[in-house]
Amino acid sequence: MNNNSISIIVTDDHKLFRKGLIGLIQQLSPDFKILTEASNGKDLLSIMETGLRPDLVLLDINMPIMNGHVTMQAMQEKFPETNCLVLTMQDDDITLIRLLKAGAKGFINKDVESEELERAIFSVVEKGFYYSDFVSEKLVGTLRAPIDIDPLSSLNEQDLRFIELACSEFTYKEIADIMNLSIKTVDGYRGKLFEKLELKSRVGLVLFALKNKIISL
């Protein structure tokens, strides 16, 4: 295996999809090397416990026995250096926040175009992230950019409380109840905070909070 090769384990419970994905990956680039495959998270962990360490795990979320979310939590504990690129049909904020906090380095839709899949694999291994339309590279880049001005200086106690709650799995309605505010007030408050911090999504807010140590994984 050459020094530039990227070793991959594909984990998905649907055999036909898994085999098709492996075939596609092998056609995309000579740099992509499939180490093996797994049908669920339990199988994946068993494989990695033998000492096999891929550069990247392509991981389906909806699997029997051990789903992708639980699998990533276990991998964060046992193999934190392993990059996980998540295959999902779900792109709601709550799902993405859960996956991000569990250790996902990127998300791609299961009906992804081949060109994007290739970009995603290279990006996760070389840059440490890939979020496609879910979170722009510019936004994720703020996690690694140097801080010239303290971004927390403009935030008050209520701002920080809202950010902490928004980084959880609470819905905005539940956050409104916790903060004793109406949902309309919270919607307006969220919009102003996003504008102040130059963010576009709730997932982006989680990344901002991680970078500035408002929350931790």
N, C-alpha and C. Protein backbone atom coordinates (compact mmCIF):
# COMPACT_ATOMS: atom_id res chain seq x y z
N MET A 1 0.85 -1.20 0.00
CA MET A 1 0.00 0.00 0.00
C MET A 1 0.88 1.25 0.00
N ASN A 2 0.69 2.16 -0.96
CA ASN A 2 1.57 3.32 -1.03
C ASN A 2 1.26 4.33 0.05
N ASN A 3 2.19 5.25 0.24
CA ASN A 3 2.08 6.22 1.34
C ASN A 3 0.89 7.15 1.19
N ASN A 4 0.40 7.32 -0.04
CA ASN A 4 -0.71 8.24 -0.27
C ASN A 4 -2.08 7.56 -0.22
N SER A 5 -2.09 6.25 -0.02
CA SER A 5 -3.35 5.53 -0.04
C SER A 5 -4.18 5.84 1.20
N ILE A 6 -5.49 5.76 1.05
CA ILE A 6 -6.44 5.99 2.14
C ILE A 6 -7.18 4.68 2.39
N SER A 7 -6.97 4.10 3.55
CA SER A 7 -7.59 2.82 3.88
C SER A 7 -8.99 3.06 4.46
N ILE A 8 -9.94 2.23 4.03
CA ILE A 8 -11.36 2.47 4.35
C ILE A 8 -12.04 1.17 4.78
N ILE A 9 -12.92 1.30 5.79
CA ILE A 9 -13.84 0.22 6.13
C ILE A 9 -15.26 0.74 5.89
N VAL A 10 -16.04 0.00 5.12
CA VAL A 10 -17.43 0.38 4.83
C VAL A 10 -18.36 -0.41 5.75
N THR A 11 -19.22 0.31 6.48
CA THR A 11 -20.13 -0.32 7.43
C THR A 11 -21.57 0.05 7.11
N ASP A 12 -22.33 -0.94 6.66
CA ASP A 12 -23.74 -0.73 6.31
C ASP A 12 -24.44 -2.09 6.36
N ASP A 13 -25.67 -2.11 6.87
CA ASP A 13 -26.36 -3.39 7.04
C ASP A 13 -26.99 -3.92 5.75
N HIS A 14 -27.14 -3.07 4.75
CA HIS A 14 -27.73 -3.52 3.49
C HIS A 14 -26.61 -4.02 2.56
N LYS A 15 -26.55 -5.32 2.37
CA LYS A 15 -25.45 -5.94 1.65
C LYS A 15 -25.32 -5.41 0.22
N LEU A 16 -26.43 -5.28 -0.49
CA LEU A 16 -26.39 -4.83 -1.87
C LEU A 16 -25.85 -3.41 -1.96
N PHE A 17 -26.33 -2.52 -1.07
CA PHE A 17 -25.84 -1.14 -1.05
C PHE A 17 -24.36 -1.11 -0.68
N ARG A 18 -23.99 -1.91 0.32
CA ARG A 18 -22.59 -1.94 0.78
C ARG A 18 -21.65 -2.38 -0.34
N LYS A 19 -22.04 -3.44 -1.04
CA LYS A 19 -21.20 -3.94 -2.13
C LYS A 19 -21.10 -2.91 -3.26
N GLY A 20 -22.24 -2.25 -3.54
CA GLY A 20 -22.24 -1.22 -4.58
C GLY A 20 -21.37 -0.05 -4.21
N LEU A 21 -21.41 0.34 -2.92
CA LEU A 21 -20.60 1.46 -2.45
C LEU A 21 -19.12 1.11 -2.52
N ILE A 22 -18.78 -0.11 -2.15
CA ILE A 22 -17.38 -0.55 -2.22
C ILE A 22 -16.89 -0.52 -3.66
N GLY A 23 -17.72 -1.01 -4.57
CA GLY A 23 -17.34 -0.99 -5.98
C GLY A 23 -17.13 0.43 -6.49
N LEU A 24 -18.02 1.33 -6.08
CA LEU A 24 -17.90 2.73 -6.50
C LEU A 24 -16.62 3.36 -5.95
N ILE A 25 -16.34 3.15 -4.68
CA ILE A 25 -15.14 3.72 -4.06
C ILE A 25 -13.88 3.23 -4.77
N GLN A 26 -13.85 1.96 -5.11
CA GLN A 26 -12.68 1.40 -5.79
C GLN A 26 -12.47 2.00 -7.17
N GLN A 27 -13.56 2.46 -7.79
CA GLN A 27 -13.46 3.08 -9.11
C GLN A 27 -13.08 4.56 -9.04
N LEU A 28 -13.34 5.18 -7.90
CA LEU A 28 -13.16 6.63 -7.79
C LEU A 28 -11.70 7.06 -7.84
N SER A 29 -10.85 6.33 -7.12
CA SER A 29 -9.45 6.74 -7.05
C SER A 29 -8.57 5.54 -6.71
N PRO A 30 -7.39 5.45 -7.33
CA PRO A 30 -6.45 4.38 -6.98
C PRO A 30 -5.91 4.55 -5.57
N ASP A 31 -6.12 5.74 -4.98
CA ASP A 31 -5.66 6.00 -3.62
C ASP A 31 -6.57 5.38 -2.56
N PHE A 32 -7.78 4.96 -2.96
CA PHE A 32 -8.73 4.40 -1.99
C PHE A 32 -8.56 2.89 -1.91
N LYS A 33 -8.31 2.40 -0.72
CA LYS A 33 -8.10 0.97 -0.49
C LYS A 33 -9.11 0.46 0.54
N ILE A 34 -9.97 -0.44 0.12
CA ILE A 34 -10.96 -1.03 1.03
C ILE A 34 -10.29 -2.12 1.86
N LEU A 35 -10.22 -1.92 3.16
CA LEU A 35 -9.61 -2.92 4.04
C LEU A 35 -10.55 -4.10 4.25
N THR A 36 -11.80 -3.77 4.55
CA THR A 36 -12.81 -4.80 4.77
C THR A 36 -14.17 -4.12 4.87
N GLU A 37 -15.19 -4.88 5.25
CA GLU A 37 -16.53 -4.34 5.38
C GLU A 37 -17.19 -4.90 6.63
N ALA A 38 -18.23 -4.22 7.11
CA ALA A 38 -18.96 -4.67 8.30
C ALA A 38 -20.44 -4.41 8.08
N SER A 39 -21.28 -5.24 8.69
CA SER A 39 -22.73 -5.11 8.50
C SER A 39 -23.42 -4.34 9.61
N ASN A 40 -22.69 -4.05 10.70
CA ASN A 40 -23.25 -3.24 11.79
C ASN A 40 -22.12 -2.77 12.69
N GLY A 41 -22.46 -1.93 13.65
CA GLY A 41 -21.45 -1.37 14.52
C GLY A 41 -20.71 -2.38 15.36
N LYS A 42 -21.40 -3.41 15.80
CA LYS A 42 -20.76 -4.44 16.62
C LYS A 42 -19.68 -5.15 15.82
N ASP A 43 -20.00 -5.49 14.56
CA ASP A 43 -19.01 -6.13 13.69
C ASP A 43 -17.81 -5.22 13.47
N LEU A 44 -18.07 -3.93 13.26
CA LEU A 44 -16.99 -2.97 13.03
C LEU A 44 -16.04 -2.92 14.23
N LEU A 45 -16.60 -2.80 15.43
CA LEU A 45 -15.77 -2.72 16.63
C LEU A 45 -14.96 -4.00 16.82
N SER A 46 -15.57 -5.14 16.52
CA SER A 46 -14.86 -6.42 16.63
C SER A 46 -13.67 -6.46 15.67
N ILE A 47 -13.89 -5.95 14.47
CA ILE A 47 -12.82 -5.91 13.47
C ILE A 47 -11.68 -5.02 13.95
N MET A 48 -12.01 -3.84 14.44
CA MET A 48 -10.98 -2.90 14.86
C MET A 48 -10.25 -3.37 16.11
N GLU A 49 -10.92 -4.14 16.92
CA GLU A 49 -10.27 -4.68 18.13
C GLU A 49 -9.21 -5.72 17.80
N THR A 50 -9.21 -6.21 16.56
CA THR A 50 -8.16 -7.15 16.13
C THR A 50 -6.87 -6.39 15.78
N GLY A 51 -6.97 -5.06 15.72
CA GLY A 51 -5.79 -4.25 15.41
C GLY A 51 -5.85 -3.55 14.07
N LEU A 52 -6.89 -3.82 13.29
CA LEU A 52 -7.03 -3.17 11.99
C LEU A 52 -7.44 -1.71 12.20
N ARG A 53 -6.67 -0.78 11.64
CA ARG A 53 -6.93 0.65 11.85
C ARG A 53 -7.04 1.37 10.51
N PRO A 54 -8.23 1.65 10.05
CA PRO A 54 -8.40 2.36 8.78
C PRO A 54 -8.17 3.86 8.95
N ASP A 55 -7.91 4.53 7.84
CA ASP A 55 -7.85 5.99 7.86
C ASP A 55 -9.26 6.57 7.99
N LEU A 56 -10.23 5.81 7.48
CA LEU A 56 -11.60 6.31 7.43
C LEU A 56 -12.60 5.16 7.56
N VAL A 57 -13.67 5.41 8.34
CA VAL A 57 -14.80 4.49 8.40
C VAL A 57 -16.00 5.18 7.78
N LEU A 58 -16.57 4.56 6.76
CA LEU A 58 -17.84 5.04 6.21
C LEU A 58 -18.92 4.30 6.98
N LEU A 59 -19.76 5.06 7.69
CA LEU A 59 -20.65 4.46 8.68
C LEU A 59 -22.11 4.84 8.45
N ASP A 60 -22.94 3.83 8.24
CA ASP A 60 -24.38 4.07 8.14
C ASP A 60 -24.93 4.33 9.53
N ILE A 61 -25.97 5.15 9.63
CA ILE A 61 -26.56 5.47 10.93
C ILE A 61 -27.61 4.45 11.33
N ASN A 62 -28.49 4.10 10.42
CA ASN A 62 -29.61 3.21 10.74
C ASN A 62 -29.24 1.75 10.47
N MET A 63 -28.72 1.10 11.51
CA MET A 63 -28.34 -0.31 11.41
C MET A 63 -28.90 -1.08 12.60
N PRO A 64 -29.17 -2.37 12.43
CA PRO A 64 -29.61 -3.19 13.56
C PRO A 64 -28.43 -3.55 14.46
N ILE A 65 -28.71 -4.13 15.59
CA ILE A 65 -27.72 -4.62 16.57
C ILE A 65 -26.98 -3.47 17.25
N MET A 66 -26.27 -2.66 16.47
CA MET A 66 -25.62 -1.46 17.01
C MET A 66 -25.64 -0.38 15.94
N ASN A 67 -26.43 0.68 16.15
CA ASN A 67 -26.56 1.71 15.12
C ASN A 67 -25.34 2.61 15.08
N GLY A 68 -25.33 3.50 14.09
CA GLY A 68 -24.17 4.36 13.88
C GLY A 68 -23.87 5.30 15.02
N HIS A 69 -24.91 5.84 15.64
CA HIS A 69 -24.70 6.79 16.74
C HIS A 69 -24.02 6.11 17.92
N VAL A 70 -24.53 4.96 18.32
CA VAL A 70 -23.94 4.21 19.44
C VAL A 70 -22.52 3.75 19.07
N THR A 71 -22.35 3.35 17.82
CA THR A 71 -21.04 2.90 17.36
C THR A 71 -20.01 4.01 17.47
N MET A 72 -20.37 5.21 17.06
CA MET A 72 -19.43 6.33 17.13
C MET A 72 -19.06 6.68 18.56
N GLN A 73 -20.04 6.59 19.47
CA GLN A 73 -19.74 6.85 20.87
C GLN A 73 -18.72 5.84 21.40
N ALA A 74 -18.88 4.58 21.01
CA ALA A 74 -17.93 3.55 21.43
C ALA A 74 -16.56 3.79 20.80
N MET A 75 -16.56 4.21 19.53
CA MET A 75 -15.29 4.46 18.85
C MET A 75 -14.55 5.65 19.43
N GLN A 76 -15.29 6.66 19.90
CA GLN A 76 -14.66 7.81 20.54
C GLN A 76 -13.90 7.39 21.78
N GLU A 77 -14.41 6.39 22.46
CA GLU A 77 -13.75 5.89 23.67
C GLU A 77 -12.57 4.98 23.34
N LYS A 78 -12.76 4.10 22.36
CA LYS A 78 -11.75 3.08 22.07
C LYS A 78 -10.77 3.47 20.98
N PHE A 79 -11.27 4.15 19.94
CA PHE A 79 -10.43 4.48 18.79
C PHE A 79 -10.65 5.94 18.38
N PRO A 80 -10.35 6.89 19.24
CA PRO A 80 -10.66 8.30 18.96
C PRO A 80 -9.92 8.88 17.76
N GLU A 81 -8.85 8.21 17.33
CA GLU A 81 -8.08 8.73 16.20
C GLU A 81 -8.70 8.38 14.85
N THR A 82 -9.70 7.51 14.86
CA THR A 82 -10.31 7.05 13.60
C THR A 82 -11.35 8.04 13.09
N ASN A 83 -11.22 8.41 11.82
CA ASN A 83 -12.17 9.33 11.19
C ASN A 83 -13.44 8.61 10.77
N CYS A 84 -14.59 9.18 11.11
CA CYS A 84 -15.88 8.61 10.71
C CYS A 84 -16.62 9.56 9.77
N LEU A 85 -16.97 9.07 8.60
CA LEU A 85 -17.80 9.81 7.66
C LEU A 85 -19.16 9.12 7.65
N VAL A 86 -20.19 9.85 8.03
CA VAL A 86 -21.51 9.27 8.26
C VAL A 86 -22.36 9.25 6.99
N LEU A 87 -22.99 8.12 6.73
CA LEU A 87 -23.98 7.98 5.67
C LEU A 87 -25.36 8.11 6.29
N THR A 88 -26.12 9.09 5.88
CA THR A 88 -27.42 9.31 6.50
C THR A 88 -28.44 9.86 5.52
N MET A 89 -29.70 9.58 5.76
CA MET A 89 -30.79 10.19 5.01
C MET A 89 -31.44 11.29 5.84
N GLN A 90 -30.95 11.49 7.06
CA GLN A 90 -31.51 12.49 7.96
C GLN A 90 -30.60 13.71 8.02
N ASP A 91 -31.18 14.91 7.83
CA ASP A 91 -30.35 16.11 7.87
C ASP A 91 -30.93 17.18 8.78
N ASP A 92 -31.78 16.76 9.74
CA ASP A 92 -32.32 17.75 10.68
C ASP A 92 -31.25 18.13 11.70
N ASP A 93 -31.39 19.32 12.27
CA ASP A 93 -30.37 19.84 13.18
C ASP A 93 -30.09 18.93 14.36
N ILE A 94 -31.16 18.40 14.98
CA ILE A 94 -30.97 17.57 16.17
C ILE A 94 -30.13 16.33 15.85
N THR A 95 -30.45 15.67 14.74
CA THR A 95 -29.69 14.48 14.35
C THR A 95 -28.23 14.82 14.11
N LEU A 96 -27.98 15.91 13.38
CA LEU A 96 -26.60 16.29 13.07
C LEU A 96 -25.82 16.70 14.31
N ILE A 97 -26.49 17.37 15.25
CA ILE A 97 -25.83 17.75 16.50
C ILE A 97 -25.43 16.51 17.28
N ARG A 98 -26.34 15.54 17.35
CA ARG A 98 -26.03 14.28 18.06
C ARG A 98 -24.83 13.59 17.42
N LEU A 99 -24.80 13.56 16.09
CA LEU A 99 -23.71 12.90 15.39
C LEU A 99 -22.40 13.65 15.57
N LEU A 100 -22.46 14.97 15.49
CA LEU A 100 -21.28 15.80 15.67
C LEU A 100 -20.69 15.60 17.06
N LYS A 101 -21.55 15.62 18.07
CA LYS A 101 -21.08 15.44 19.44
C LYS A 101 -20.58 14.02 19.70
N ALA A 102 -21.07 13.07 18.90
CA ALA A 102 -20.62 11.68 19.04
C ALA A 102 -19.28 11.44 18.36
N GLY A 103 -18.85 12.41 17.53
CA GLY A 103 -17.54 12.29 16.90
C GLY A 103 -17.51 12.24 15.40
N ALA A 104 -18.64 12.46 14.73
CA ALA A 104 -18.65 12.43 13.27
C ALA A 104 -17.77 13.53 12.69
N LYS A 105 -16.97 13.18 11.69
CA LYS A 105 -16.12 14.16 11.02
C LYS A 105 -16.76 14.70 9.76
N GLY A 106 -17.92 14.14 9.41
CA GLY A 106 -18.61 14.63 8.23
C GLY A 106 -19.88 13.84 7.99
N PHE A 107 -20.75 14.41 7.14
CA PHE A 107 -22.02 13.78 6.80
C PHE A 107 -22.20 13.81 5.29
N ILE A 108 -22.65 12.71 4.73
CA ILE A 108 -23.05 12.71 3.33
C ILE A 108 -24.36 11.94 3.20
N ASN A 109 -25.19 12.37 2.26
CA ASN A 109 -26.45 11.70 2.01
C ASN A 109 -26.20 10.39 1.27
N LYS A 110 -27.05 9.40 1.50
CA LYS A 110 -26.84 8.09 0.89
C LYS A 110 -27.06 8.08 -0.62
N ASP A 111 -27.69 9.13 -1.14
CA ASP A 111 -27.84 9.22 -2.60
C ASP A 111 -26.83 10.22 -3.19
N VAL A 112 -25.70 10.35 -2.51
CA VAL A 112 -24.65 11.29 -2.90
C VAL A 112 -24.12 10.98 -4.31
N GLU A 113 -23.74 12.02 -5.03
CA GLU A 113 -23.08 11.85 -6.33
C GLU A 113 -21.66 11.34 -6.11
N SER A 114 -21.14 10.60 -7.06
CA SER A 114 -19.82 9.98 -6.90
C SER A 114 -18.72 11.02 -6.69
N GLU A 115 -18.84 12.17 -7.38
CA GLU A 115 -17.82 13.22 -7.25
C GLU A 115 -17.77 13.77 -5.83
N GLU A 116 -18.95 13.92 -5.22
CA GLU A 116 -18.98 14.43 -3.86
C GLU A 116 -18.44 13.41 -2.87
N LEU A 117 -18.73 12.14 -3.10
CA LEU A 117 -18.20 11.09 -2.23
C LEU A 117 -16.68 11.12 -2.24
N GLU A 118 -16.11 11.27 -3.42
CA GLU A 118 -14.65 11.33 -3.54
C GLU A 118 -14.10 12.54 -2.77
N ARG A 119 -14.74 13.70 -2.94
CA ARG A 119 -14.31 14.91 -2.23
C ARG A 119 -14.41 14.70 -0.72
N ALA A 120 -15.49 14.07 -0.29
CA ALA A 120 -15.73 13.88 1.14
C ALA A 120 -14.65 13.00 1.76
N ILE A 121 -14.29 11.92 1.09
CA ILE A 121 -13.28 11.02 1.62
C ILE A 121 -11.94 11.73 1.76
N PHE A 122 -11.51 12.41 0.70
CA PHE A 122 -10.25 13.14 0.75
C PHE A 122 -10.28 14.23 1.83
N SER A 123 -11.40 14.94 1.92
CA SER A 123 -11.51 16.05 2.85
C SER A 123 -11.42 15.59 4.31
N VAL A 124 -12.12 14.53 4.65
CA VAL A 124 -12.09 14.04 6.04
C VAL A 124 -10.69 13.60 6.43
N VAL A 125 -10.01 12.89 5.55
CA VAL A 125 -8.68 12.40 5.87
C VAL A 125 -7.64 13.52 5.88
N GLU A 126 -7.74 14.44 4.93
CA GLU A 126 -6.72 15.48 4.81
C GLU A 126 -6.99 16.71 5.67
N LYS A 127 -8.26 17.09 5.82
CA LYS A 127 -8.60 18.30 6.56
C LYS A 127 -9.22 18.02 7.93
N GLY A 128 -9.78 16.82 8.08
CA GLY A 128 -10.40 16.49 9.35
C GLY A 128 -11.89 16.76 9.41
N PHE A 129 -12.48 17.16 8.27
CA PHE A 129 -13.93 17.42 8.26
C PHE A 129 -14.47 17.42 6.84
N TYR A 130 -15.77 17.16 6.75
CA TYR A 130 -16.52 17.37 5.51
C TYR A 130 -18.00 17.42 5.87
N TYR A 131 -18.64 18.54 5.60
CA TYR A 131 -20.04 18.69 5.97
C TYR A 131 -20.93 19.12 4.82
N SER A 132 -20.39 19.20 3.62
CA SER A 132 -21.21 19.45 2.45
C SER A 132 -22.15 20.63 2.66
N ASP A 133 -23.42 20.45 2.27
CA ASP A 133 -24.38 21.52 2.41
C ASP A 133 -24.85 21.70 3.85
N PHE A 134 -24.60 20.72 4.72
CA PHE A 134 -25.04 20.82 6.10
C PHE A 134 -24.29 21.94 6.82
N VAL A 135 -22.99 21.96 6.65
CA VAL A 135 -22.14 22.98 7.28
C VAL A 135 -21.03 23.30 6.29
N SER A 136 -20.89 24.56 5.93
CA SER A 136 -19.90 24.92 4.92
C SER A 136 -18.48 24.76 5.46
N GLU A 137 -17.53 24.53 4.55
CA GLU A 137 -16.13 24.41 4.96
C GLU A 137 -15.64 25.70 5.62
N LYS A 138 -16.14 26.83 5.13
CA LYS A 138 -15.74 28.10 5.73
C LYS A 138 -16.14 28.16 7.19
N LEU A 139 -17.34 27.66 7.48
CA LEU A 139 -17.84 27.68 8.85
C LEU A 139 -17.05 26.72 9.72
N VAL A 140 -16.84 25.49 9.22
CA VAL A 140 -16.08 24.52 10.00
C VAL A 140 -14.65 25.00 10.20
N GLY A 141 -14.15 25.76 9.23
CA GLY A 141 -12.81 26.30 9.34
C GLY A 141 -12.64 27.23 10.53
N THR A 142 -13.72 27.80 11.03
CA THR A 142 -13.61 28.67 12.20
C THR A 142 -13.14 27.89 13.42
N LEU A 143 -13.31 26.57 13.39
CA LEU A 143 -12.82 25.75 14.50
C LEU A 143 -11.30 25.78 14.58
N ARG A 144 -10.67 26.03 13.44
CA ARG A 144 -9.21 25.97 13.39
C ARG A 144 -8.56 27.34 13.19
N ALA A 145 -9.38 28.34 12.92
CA ALA A 145 -8.83 29.67 12.65
C ALA A 145 -8.37 30.34 13.94
N PRO A 146 -7.28 31.12 13.88
CA PRO A 146 -6.84 31.84 15.07
C PRO A 146 -7.86 32.91 15.46
N ILE A 147 -7.94 33.22 16.72
CA ILE A 147 -8.90 34.20 17.22
C ILE A 147 -8.19 35.54 17.40
N ASP A 148 -8.55 36.55 16.61
CA ASP A 148 -7.95 37.87 16.74
C ASP A 148 -8.67 38.70 17.80
N ILE A 149 -9.98 38.55 17.85
CA ILE A 149 -10.79 39.28 18.82
C ILE A 149 -11.61 38.25 19.59
N ASP A 150 -11.73 38.45 20.89
CA ASP A 150 -12.47 37.50 21.70
C ASP A 150 -13.94 37.50 21.27
N PRO A 151 -14.41 36.41 20.66
CA PRO A 151 -15.79 36.37 20.16
C PRO A 151 -16.81 36.30 21.29
N LEU A 152 -16.36 36.00 22.50
CA LEU A 152 -17.28 35.88 23.62
C LEU A 152 -17.55 37.22 24.30
N SER A 153 -16.75 38.23 23.95
CA SER A 153 -16.87 39.52 24.63
C SER A 153 -18.22 40.19 24.39
N SER A 154 -18.87 39.86 23.27
CA SER A 154 -20.16 40.48 22.95
C SER A 154 -21.35 39.67 23.45
N LEU A 155 -21.07 38.55 24.11
CA LEU A 155 -22.14 37.67 24.58
C LEU A 155 -22.43 37.88 26.06
N ASN A 156 -23.72 37.97 26.38
CA ASN A 156 -24.09 38.10 27.79
C ASN A 156 -24.46 36.74 28.37
N GLU A 157 -24.87 36.72 29.62
CA GLU A 157 -25.17 35.46 30.29
C GLU A 157 -26.33 34.71 29.62
N GLN A 158 -27.33 35.46 29.16
CA GLN A 158 -28.47 34.82 28.50
C GLN A 158 -28.05 34.23 27.15
N ASP A 159 -27.15 34.94 26.44
CA ASP A 159 -26.63 34.41 25.18
C ASP A 159 -25.96 33.05 25.41
N LEU A 160 -25.10 32.99 26.41
CA LEU A 160 -24.36 31.77 26.70
C LEU A 160 -25.29 30.64 27.11
N ARG A 161 -26.34 30.99 27.89
CA ARG A 161 -27.31 29.98 28.31
C ARG A 161 -28.04 29.42 27.10
N PHE A 162 -28.44 30.31 26.18
CA PHE A 162 -29.13 29.87 24.97
C PHE A 162 -28.23 28.97 24.13
N ILE A 163 -26.96 29.33 23.99
CA ILE A 163 -26.02 28.54 23.20
C ILE A 163 -25.87 27.14 23.80
N GLU A 164 -25.74 27.06 25.12
CA GLU A 164 -25.61 25.76 25.78
C GLU A 164 -26.83 24.89 25.50
N LEU A 165 -28.02 25.48 25.60
CA LEU A 165 -29.25 24.73 25.36
C LEU A 165 -29.40 24.34 23.89
N ALA A 166 -28.98 25.24 22.99
CA ALA A 166 -29.08 24.96 21.56
C ALA A 166 -28.12 23.85 21.13
N CYS A 167 -27.09 23.63 21.92
CA CYS A 167 -26.12 22.56 21.62
C CYS A 167 -26.56 21.21 22.19
N SER A 168 -27.74 21.19 22.79
CA SER A 168 -28.29 19.95 23.31
C SER A 168 -29.30 19.40 22.31
N GLU A 169 -30.05 18.40 22.72
CA GLU A 169 -31.06 17.81 21.85
C GLU A 169 -32.45 18.41 22.10
N PHE A 170 -32.51 19.51 22.86
CA PHE A 170 -33.80 20.17 23.09
C PHE A 170 -34.29 20.82 21.79
N THR A 171 -35.58 20.79 21.56
CA THR A 171 -36.16 21.53 20.45
C THR A 171 -36.19 23.01 20.85
N TYR A 172 -36.42 23.88 19.88
CA TYR A 172 -36.50 25.31 20.21
C TYR A 172 -37.69 25.60 21.13
N LYS A 173 -38.76 24.84 20.98
CA LYS A 173 -39.91 25.02 21.87
C LYS A 173 -39.54 24.66 23.31
N GLU A 174 -38.79 23.57 23.47
CA GLU A 174 -38.35 23.17 24.81
C GLU A 174 -37.38 24.19 25.39
N ILE A 175 -36.53 24.75 24.54
CA ILE A 175 -35.60 25.78 25.00
C ILE A 175 -36.38 27.01 25.47
N ALA A 176 -37.41 27.35 24.72
CA ALA A 176 -38.25 28.50 25.11
C ALA A 176 -38.88 28.27 26.48
N ASP A 177 -39.36 27.06 26.73
CA ASP A 177 -39.97 26.73 28.03
C ASP A 177 -38.93 26.83 29.15
N ILE A 178 -37.75 26.30 28.90
CA ILE A 178 -36.69 26.31 29.92
C ILE A 178 -36.28 27.74 30.26
N MET A 179 -36.23 28.61 29.24
CA MET A 179 -35.79 30.01 29.44
C MET A 179 -36.96 30.93 29.80
N ASN A 180 -38.16 30.33 29.93
CA ASN A 180 -39.36 31.11 30.25
C ASN A 180 -39.62 32.21 29.23
N LEU A 181 -39.48 31.84 27.95
CA LEU A 181 -39.70 32.77 26.85
C LEU A 181 -40.72 32.14 25.90
N SER A 182 -41.36 32.97 25.08
CA SER A 182 -42.26 32.44 24.07
C SER A 182 -41.42 31.90 22.91
N ILE A 183 -41.98 30.99 22.13
CA ILE A 183 -41.25 30.44 21.00
C ILE A 183 -40.95 31.53 19.98
N LYS A 184 -41.83 32.51 19.86
CA LYS A 184 -41.60 33.63 18.94
C LYS A 184 -40.40 34.45 19.39
N THR A 185 -40.30 34.66 20.69
CA THR A 185 -39.16 35.42 21.23
C THR A 185 -37.86 34.67 21.00
N VAL A 186 -37.90 33.35 21.21
CA VAL A 186 -36.70 32.53 21.00
C VAL A 186 -36.29 32.54 19.53
N ASP A 187 -37.27 32.48 18.62
CA ASP A 187 -36.96 32.52 17.19
C ASP A 187 -36.25 33.83 16.83
N GLY A 188 -36.78 34.94 17.36
CA GLY A 188 -36.16 36.23 17.10
C GLY A 188 -34.78 36.34 17.73
N TYR A 189 -34.66 35.82 18.93
CA TYR A 189 -33.40 35.84 19.67
C TYR A 189 -32.34 35.02 18.93
N ARG A 190 -32.77 33.86 18.45
CA ARG A 190 -31.86 32.99 17.69
C ARG A 190 -31.36 33.71 16.44
N GLY A 191 -32.28 34.34 15.71
CA GLY A 191 -31.89 35.05 14.50
C GLY A 191 -30.88 36.14 14.75
N LYS A 192 -31.07 36.91 15.82
CA LYS A 192 -30.14 37.99 16.16
C LYS A 192 -28.78 37.43 16.57
N LEU A 193 -28.80 36.32 17.30
CA LEU A 193 -27.55 35.71 17.73
C LEU A 193 -26.78 35.15 16.54
N PHE A 194 -27.49 34.51 15.62
CA PHE A 194 -26.84 33.99 14.41
C PHE A 194 -26.21 35.13 13.61
N GLU A 195 -26.93 36.25 13.54
CA GLU A 195 -26.41 37.41 12.81
C GLU A 195 -25.18 37.98 13.50
N LYS A 196 -25.24 38.08 14.81
CA LYS A 196 -24.13 38.62 15.59
C LYS A 196 -22.87 37.77 15.42
N LEU A 197 -23.06 36.45 15.41
CA LEU A 197 -21.92 35.54 15.34
C LEU A 197 -21.58 35.13 13.91
N GLU A 198 -22.37 35.65 12.94
CA GLU A 198 -22.19 35.34 11.52
C GLU A 198 -22.29 33.84 11.27
N LEU A 199 -23.34 33.24 11.81
CA LEU A 199 -23.62 31.82 11.63
C LEU A 199 -24.88 31.64 10.81
N LYS A 200 -25.05 30.44 10.25
CA LYS A 200 -26.22 30.19 9.40
C LYS A 200 -27.08 29.03 9.88
N SER A 201 -26.60 28.25 10.83
CA SER A 201 -27.35 27.07 11.24
C SER A 201 -27.07 26.72 12.69
N ARG A 202 -27.93 25.88 13.24
CA ARG A 202 -27.75 25.41 14.61
C ARG A 202 -26.49 24.55 14.73
N VAL A 203 -26.21 23.77 13.70
CA VAL A 203 -24.99 22.97 13.71
C VAL A 203 -23.77 23.90 13.75
N GLY A 204 -23.84 25.00 13.02
CA GLY A 204 -22.76 25.98 13.06
C GLY A 204 -22.57 26.55 14.45
N LEU A 205 -23.67 26.73 15.17
CA LEU A 205 -23.60 27.24 16.54
C LEU A 205 -22.87 26.25 17.44
N VAL A 206 -23.11 24.95 17.22
CA VAL A 206 -22.40 23.93 17.99
C VAL A 206 -20.90 24.01 17.74
N LEU A 207 -20.52 24.18 16.48
CA LEU A 207 -19.10 24.30 16.13
C LEU A 207 -18.48 25.53 16.78
N PHE A 208 -19.21 26.64 16.78
CA PHE A 208 -18.74 27.86 17.44
C PHE A 208 -18.54 27.61 18.93
N ALA A 209 -19.50 26.94 19.55
CA ALA A 209 -19.44 26.67 20.99
C ALA A 209 -18.27 25.74 21.32
N LEU A 210 -18.00 24.77 20.46
CA LEU A 210 -16.87 23.87 20.68
C LEU A 210 -15.54 24.62 20.57
N LYS A 211 -15.42 25.45 19.55
CA LYS A 211 -14.18 26.19 19.33
C LYS A 211 -13.87 27.10 20.51
N ASN A 212 -14.91 27.72 21.04
CA ASN A 212 -14.71 28.70 22.11
C ASN A 212 -14.94 28.13 23.52
N LYS A 213 -15.00 26.78 23.56
CA LYS A 213 -15.05 26.06 24.84
C LYS A 213 -16.25 26.44 25.69
N ILE A 214 -17.38 26.80 25.03
CA ILE A 214 -18.62 27.02 25.74
C ILE A 214 -19.20 25.67 26.15
N ILE A 215 -18.99 24.68 25.26
CA ILE A 215 -19.35 23.29 25.56
C ILE A 215 -18.17 22.42 25.22
N SER A 216 -18.23 21.17 25.61
CA SER A 216 -17.20 20.20 25.24
C SER A 216 -17.90 18.91 24.86
N LEU A 217 -17.25 18.10 24.06
CA LEU A 217 -17.82 16.81 23.65
C LEU A 217 -17.66 15.80 24.76
